[in-house]
């Protein structure tokens, strides 16, 4: 029998679930209960929060991921759109006034913006814990690679059907 499993929490019950009495990472009683955001499939942050018991390092990663993903969505993404609009404006001006050097500027800005966007998204992925709760397509919350014993204790504390072991 596997000692690590994936679980799915029913969305309507997820925010009200009692956290397990032990760490979901390793099943020990040395964890801290934390409320963390759930990530969306696009890498954004949902408003739904889940209470989990994790070690200090994982709790810090959860908080950092939620903070950075929120900042990306609220500040960086609009900035990227503004720069993309500027690039489009430069390209239109190039077509209208026939200045070939403007097209070169637009191309360099496009490459720089693409590199910045890819590096930012990669950084967000690297900071994220593999245990971070994530919304699935059906609206449930999936948490990967957690201790089977912790899940069984957790399921016993909460209403039947709120926590489903995926395997």
C-alpha atoms as a PDB file:
ATOM      1  CA  UNK A   1       0.000   0.000   0.000  1.00  0.00           C
ATOM      2  CA  UNK A   2       1.281   3.459  -0.907  1.00  0.00           C
ATOM      3  CA  UNK A   3       2.159   5.760   1.963  1.00  0.00           C
ATOM      4  CA  UNK A   4       1.615   8.935  -0.098  1.00  0.00           C
ATOM      5  CA  UNK A   5      -1.721   9.632  -1.772  1.00  0.00           C
ATOM      6  CA  UNK A   6      -3.542  12.398  -3.594  1.00  0.00           C
ATOM      7  CA  UNK A   7      -6.814  13.671  -2.153  1.00  0.00           C
ATOM      8  CA  UNK A   8      -9.749  15.631  -3.483  1.00  0.00           C
ATOM      9  CA  UNK A   9     -11.777  17.874  -1.209  1.00  0.00           C
ATOM     10  CA  UNK A  10     -15.340  18.792  -2.092  1.00  0.00           C
ATOM     11  CA  UNK A  11     -15.295  22.521  -2.850  1.00  0.00           C
ATOM     12  CA  UNK A  12     -18.406  23.347  -0.863  1.00  0.00           C
ATOM     13  CA  UNK A  13     -16.917  21.682   2.226  1.00  0.00           C
ATOM     14  CA  UNK A  14     -13.235  22.613   1.769  1.00  0.00           C
ATOM     15  CA  UNK A  15     -13.230  25.931   3.610  1.00  0.00           C
ATOM     16  CA  UNK A  16     -15.021  24.480   6.646  1.00  0.00           C
ATOM     17  CA  UNK A  17     -13.032  21.260   7.070  1.00  0.00           C
ATOM     18  CA  UNK A  18     -11.316  20.660  10.371  1.00  0.00           C
ATOM     19  CA  UNK A  19      -7.568  20.292   9.740  1.00  0.00           C
ATOM     20  CA  UNK A  20      -5.989  16.906  10.446  1.00  0.00           C
ATOM     21  CA  UNK A  21      -4.353  16.493  13.871  1.00  0.00           C
ATOM     22  CA  UNK A  22      -1.013  15.572  12.242  1.00  0.00           C
ATOM     23  CA  UNK A  23       1.110  16.948   9.413  1.00  0.00           C
ATOM     24  CA  UNK A  24      -0.112  16.047   5.946  1.00  0.00           C
ATOM     25  CA  UNK A  25       3.526  15.902   4.793  1.00  0.00           C
ATOM     26  CA  UNK A  26       4.830  13.089   6.986  1.00  0.00           C
ATOM     27  CA  UNK A  27       2.064  12.161   9.446  1.00  0.00           C
ATOM     28  CA  UNK A  28       3.905  13.461  12.523  1.00  0.00           C
ATOM     29  CA  UNK A  29       2.365  15.667  15.178  1.00  0.00           C
ATOM     30  CA  UNK A  30       5.031  18.364  14.786  1.00  0.00           C
ATOM     31  CA  UNK A  31       3.207  20.496  12.193  1.00  0.00           C
ATOM     32  CA  UNK A  32       1.415  23.825  12.452  1.00  0.00           C
ATOM     33  CA  UNK A  33      -2.149  24.483  11.319  1.00  0.00           C
ATOM     34  CA  UNK A  34      -2.175  27.091   8.540  1.00  0.00           C
ATOM     35  CA  UNK A  35      -4.817  28.509   6.214  1.00  0.00           C
ATOM     36  CA  UNK A  36      -3.603  28.664   2.650  1.00  0.00           C
ATOM     37  CA  UNK A  37      -5.029  29.778  -0.656  1.00  0.00           C
ATOM     38  CA  UNK A  38      -5.920  27.349  -3.411  1.00  0.00           C
ATOM     39  CA  UNK A  39      -4.267  27.802  -6.786  1.00  0.00           C
ATOM     40  CA  UNK A  40      -6.264  27.806 -10.007  1.00  0.00           C
ATOM     41  CA  UNK A  41      -5.385  25.721 -13.052  1.00  0.00           C
ATOM     42  CA  UNK A  42      -3.964  28.845 -14.706  1.00  0.00           C
ATOM     43  CA  UNK A  43      -1.598  29.399 -11.763  1.00  0.00           C
ATOM     44  CA  UNK A  44      -3.616  32.202 -10.194  1.00  0.00           C
ATOM     45  CA  UNK A  45      -4.973  32.394  -6.671  1.00  0.00           C
ATOM     46  CA  UNK A  46      -8.591  31.608  -5.826  1.00  0.00           C
ATOM     47  CA  UNK A  47     -10.461  33.113  -2.884  1.00  0.00           C
ATOM     48  CA  UNK A  48     -10.975  29.659  -1.414  1.00  0.00           C
ATOM     49  CA  UNK A  49      -8.717  28.842   1.546  1.00  0.00           C
ATOM     50  CA  UNK A  50      -8.079  25.467   3.191  1.00  0.00           C
ATOM     51  CA  UNK A  51      -6.737  24.714   6.693  1.00  0.00           C
ATOM     52  CA  UNK A  52      -3.878  22.208   6.713  1.00  0.00           C
ATOM     53  CA  UNK A  53      -1.279  21.020   9.200  1.00  0.00           C
ATOM     54  CA  UNK A  54       2.233  21.243   7.713  1.00  0.00           C
ATOM     55  CA  UNK A  55       5.830  21.766   8.792  1.00  0.00           C
ATOM     56  CA  UNK A  56       7.250  25.280   9.093  1.00  0.00           C
ATOM     57  CA  UNK A  57       9.118  25.180   5.766  1.00  0.00           C
ATOM     58  CA  UNK A  58       6.010  24.108   3.832  1.00  0.00           C
ATOM     59  CA  UNK A  59       3.912  26.755   5.606  1.00  0.00           C
ATOM     60  CA  UNK A  60       6.431  29.395   4.498  1.00  0.00           C
ATOM     61  CA  UNK A  61       6.298  28.082   0.896  1.00  0.00           C
ATOM     62  CA  UNK A  62       2.488  28.179   0.963  1.00  0.00           C
ATOM     63  CA  UNK A  63       2.497  31.809   2.145  1.00  0.00           C
ATOM     64  CA  UNK A  64       5.182  32.849  -0.366  1.00  0.00           C
ATOM     65  CA  UNK A  65       3.356  31.155  -3.248  1.00  0.00           C
ATOM     66  CA  UNK A  66       0.039  32.822  -2.402  1.00  0.00           C
ATOM     67  CA  UNK A  67       1.707  36.224  -2.016  1.00  0.00           C
ATOM     68  CA  UNK A  68       3.736  35.988  -5.257  1.00  0.00           C
ATOM     69  CA  UNK A  69       0.875  34.571  -7.351  1.00  0.00           C
ATOM     70  CA  UNK A  70      -1.425  37.322  -6.090  1.00  0.00           C
ATOM     71  CA  UNK A  71       1.179  39.996  -6.854  1.00  0.00           C
ATOM     72  CA  UNK A  72       1.712  38.541 -10.350  1.00  0.00           C
ATOM     73  CA  UNK A  73      -1.999  38.694 -11.101  1.00  0.00           C
ATOM     74  CA  UNK A  74      -2.634  42.161  -9.637  1.00  0.00           C
ATOM     75  CA  UNK A  75       0.523  44.057 -10.586  1.00  0.00           C
ATOM     76  CA  UNK A  76       2.747  42.218 -13.051  1.00  0.00           C
ATOM     77  CA  UNK A  77       0.122  40.905 -15.493  1.00  0.00           C
ATOM     78  CA  UNK A  78      -1.431  44.385 -16.027  1.00  0.00           C
ATOM     79  CA  UNK A  79       2.090  45.760 -16.569  1.00  0.00           C
ATOM     80  CA  UNK A  80       2.763  43.088 -19.174  1.00  0.00           C
ATOM     81  CA  UNK A  81      -0.486  44.007 -20.940  1.00  0.00           C
ATOM     82  CA  UNK A  82       0.472  47.691 -20.893  1.00  0.00           C
ATOM     83  CA  UNK A  83       3.876  46.943 -22.437  1.00  0.00           C
ATOM     84  CA  UNK A  84       2.231  44.690 -25.035  1.00  0.00           C
ATOM     85  CA  UNK A  85      -0.092  47.590 -25.919  1.00  0.00           C
ATOM     86  CA  UNK A  86       2.922  49.888 -26.266  1.00  0.00           C
ATOM     87  CA  UNK A  87       4.598  47.378 -28.578  1.00  0.00           C
ATOM     88  CA  UNK A  88       1.446  47.221 -30.693  1.00  0.00           C
ATOM     89  CA  UNK A  89       1.350  51.029 -30.837  1.00  0.00           C
ATOM     90  CA  UNK A  90       4.992  51.122 -31.983  1.00  0.00           C
ATOM     91  CA  UNK A  91       4.236  48.568 -34.707  1.00  0.00           C
ATOM     92  CA  UNK A  92       1.194  50.570 -35.914  1.00  0.00           C
ATOM     93  CA  UNK A  93       3.235  53.794 -35.997  1.00  0.00           C
ATOM     94  CA  UNK A  94       5.880  51.932 -38.008  1.00  0.00           C
ATOM     95  CA  UNK A  95       3.283  50.876 -40.585  1.00  0.00           C
ATOM     96  CA  UNK A  96       1.769  54.378 -40.815  1.00  0.00           C
ATOM     97  CA  UNK A  97       4.993  56.429 -41.038  1.00  0.00           C
ATOM     98  CA  UNK A  98       7.178  53.723 -42.623  1.00  0.00           C
ATOM     99  CA  UNK A  99      10.061  53.866 -40.127  1.00  0.00           C
ATOM    100  CA  UNK A 100      11.814  50.458 -40.229  1.00  0.00           C
ATOM    101  CA  UNK A 101      13.832  51.079 -37.067  1.00  0.00           C
ATOM    102  CA  UNK A 102      10.592  51.208 -35.054  1.00  0.00           C
ATOM    103  CA  UNK A 103       9.839  47.633 -36.052  1.00  0.00           C
ATOM    104  CA  UNK A 104      13.239  46.607 -34.672  1.00  0.00           C
ATOM    105  CA  UNK A 105      12.433  48.318 -31.383  1.00  0.00           C
ATOM    106  CA  UNK A 106       9.067  46.518 -31.248  1.00  0.00           C
ATOM    107  CA  UNK A 107      10.756  43.183 -31.924  1.00  0.00           C
ATOM    108  CA  UNK A 108      13.363  43.680 -29.182  1.00  0.00           C
ATOM    109  CA  UNK A 109      10.669  44.751 -26.714  1.00  0.00           C
ATOM    110  CA  UNK A 110       8.565  41.717 -27.645  1.00  0.00           C
ATOM    111  CA  UNK A 111      11.483  39.353 -27.030  1.00  0.00           C
ATOM    112  CA  UNK A 112      12.308  41.021 -23.708  1.00  0.00           C
ATOM    113  CA  UNK A 113       8.672  40.891 -22.588  1.00  0.00           C
ATOM    114  CA  UNK A 114       8.427  37.217 -23.539  1.00  0.00           C
ATOM    115  CA  UNK A 115      11.623  36.346 -21.646  1.00  0.00           C
ATOM    116  CA  UNK A 116      10.420  38.285 -18.577  1.00  0.00           C
ATOM    117  CA  UNK A 117       7.022  36.558 -18.642  1.00  0.00           C
ATOM    118  CA  UNK A 118       8.506  33.080 -18.983  1.00  0.00           C
ATOM    119  CA  UNK A 119      11.068  33.697 -16.231  1.00  0.00           C
ATOM    120  CA  UNK A 120       8.365  35.021 -13.905  1.00  0.00           C
ATOM    121  CA  UNK A 121       6.048  32.068 -14.496  1.00  0.00           C
ATOM    122  CA  UNK A 122       8.954  29.634 -13.989  1.00  0.00           C
ATOM    123  CA  UNK A 123       9.850  31.359 -10.709  1.00  0.00           C
ATOM    124  CA  UNK A 124       6.253  31.029  -9.517  1.00  0.00           C
ATOM    125  CA  UNK A 125       6.318  27.329 -10.347  1.00  0.00           C
ATOM    126  CA  UNK A 126       9.630  26.733  -8.579  1.00  0.00           C
ATOM    127  CA  UNK A 127       8.534  28.398  -5.333  1.00  0.00           C
ATOM    128  CA  UNK A 128       5.323  26.349  -5.150  1.00  0.00           C
ATOM    129  CA  UNK A 129       5.187  23.268  -2.908  1.00  0.00           C
ATOM    130  CA  UNK A 130       3.972  20.067  -4.560  1.00  0.00           C
ATOM    131  CA  UNK A 131       1.494  19.820  -1.665  1.00  0.00           C
ATOM    132  CA  UNK A 132      -0.146  23.184  -2.413  1.00  0.00           C
ATOM    133  CA  UNK A 133      -3.957  22.858  -2.768  1.00  0.00           C
ATOM    134  CA  UNK A 134      -5.141  23.363  -6.342  1.00  0.00           C
ATOM    135  CA  UNK A 135      -8.633  23.714  -7.797  1.00  0.00           C
ATOM    136  CA  UNK A 136      -9.468  21.067 -10.373  1.00  0.00           C
ATOM    137  CA  UNK A 137     -11.735  21.445 -13.417  1.00  0.00           C
ATOM    138  CA  UNK A 138     -14.770  20.196 -11.510  1.00  0.00           C
ATOM    139  CA  UNK A 139     -14.343  22.759  -8.732  1.00  0.00           C
ATOM    140  CA  UNK A 140     -12.881  20.398  -6.141  1.00  0.00           C
ATOM    141  CA  UNK A 141      -9.579  20.962  -4.365  1.00  0.00           C
ATOM    142  CA  UNK A 142      -6.741  18.509  -5.055  1.00  0.00           C
ATOM    143  CA  UNK A 143      -3.758  18.076  -2.743  1.00  0.00           C
ATOM    144  CA  UNK A 144      -0.938  15.813  -3.960  1.00  0.00           C
ATOM    145  CA  UNK A 145       1.488  13.478  -2.200  1.00  0.00           C
ATOM    146  CA  UNK A 146       0.200  13.601   1.353  1.00  0.00           C
ATOM    147  CA  UNK A 147       0.563  11.004   4.076  1.00  0.00           C
ATOM    148  CA  UNK A 148      -2.110   8.275   3.914  1.00  0.00           C
ATOM    149  CA  UNK A 149      -2.394   8.038   7.711  1.00  0.00           C
ATOM    150  CA  UNK A 150      -2.948  11.796   7.987  1.00  0.00           C
ATOM    151  CA  UNK A 151      -5.662  11.629   5.319  1.00  0.00           C
ATOM    152  CA  UNK A 152      -7.463   8.798   7.098  1.00  0.00           C
ATOM    153  CA  UNK A 153      -7.430  10.744  10.388  1.00  0.00           C
ATOM    154  CA  UNK A 154      -8.541  13.860   8.538  1.00  0.00           C
ATOM    155  CA  UNK A 155     -11.429  12.037   6.841  1.00  0.00           C
ATOM    156  CA  UNK A 156     -12.619  10.693  10.225  1.00  0.00           C
ATOM    157  CA  UNK A 157     -12.817  14.270  11.616  1.00  0.00           C
ATOM    158  CA  UNK A 158     -14.999  15.596   8.792  1.00  0.00           C
ATOM    159  CA  UNK A 159     -18.331  14.751   7.131  1.00  0.00           C
ATOM    160  CA  UNK A 160     -18.452  11.661   4.947  1.00  0.00           C
ATOM    161  CA  UNK A 161     -17.631  12.416   1.300  1.00  0.00           C
ATOM    162  CA  UNK A 162     -15.840  15.712   2.012  1.00  0.00           C
ATOM    163  CA  UNK A 163     -12.414  14.079   1.551  1.00  0.00           C
ATOM    164  CA  UNK A 164     -11.828  11.543  -1.230  1.00  0.00           C
ATOM    165  CA  UNK A 165      -8.600   9.537  -1.585  1.00  0.00           C
ATOM    166  CA  UNK A 166      -7.586   9.485  -5.240  1.00  0.00           C
ATOM    167  CA  UNK A 167      -4.711   7.024  -4.893  1.00  0.00           C
END
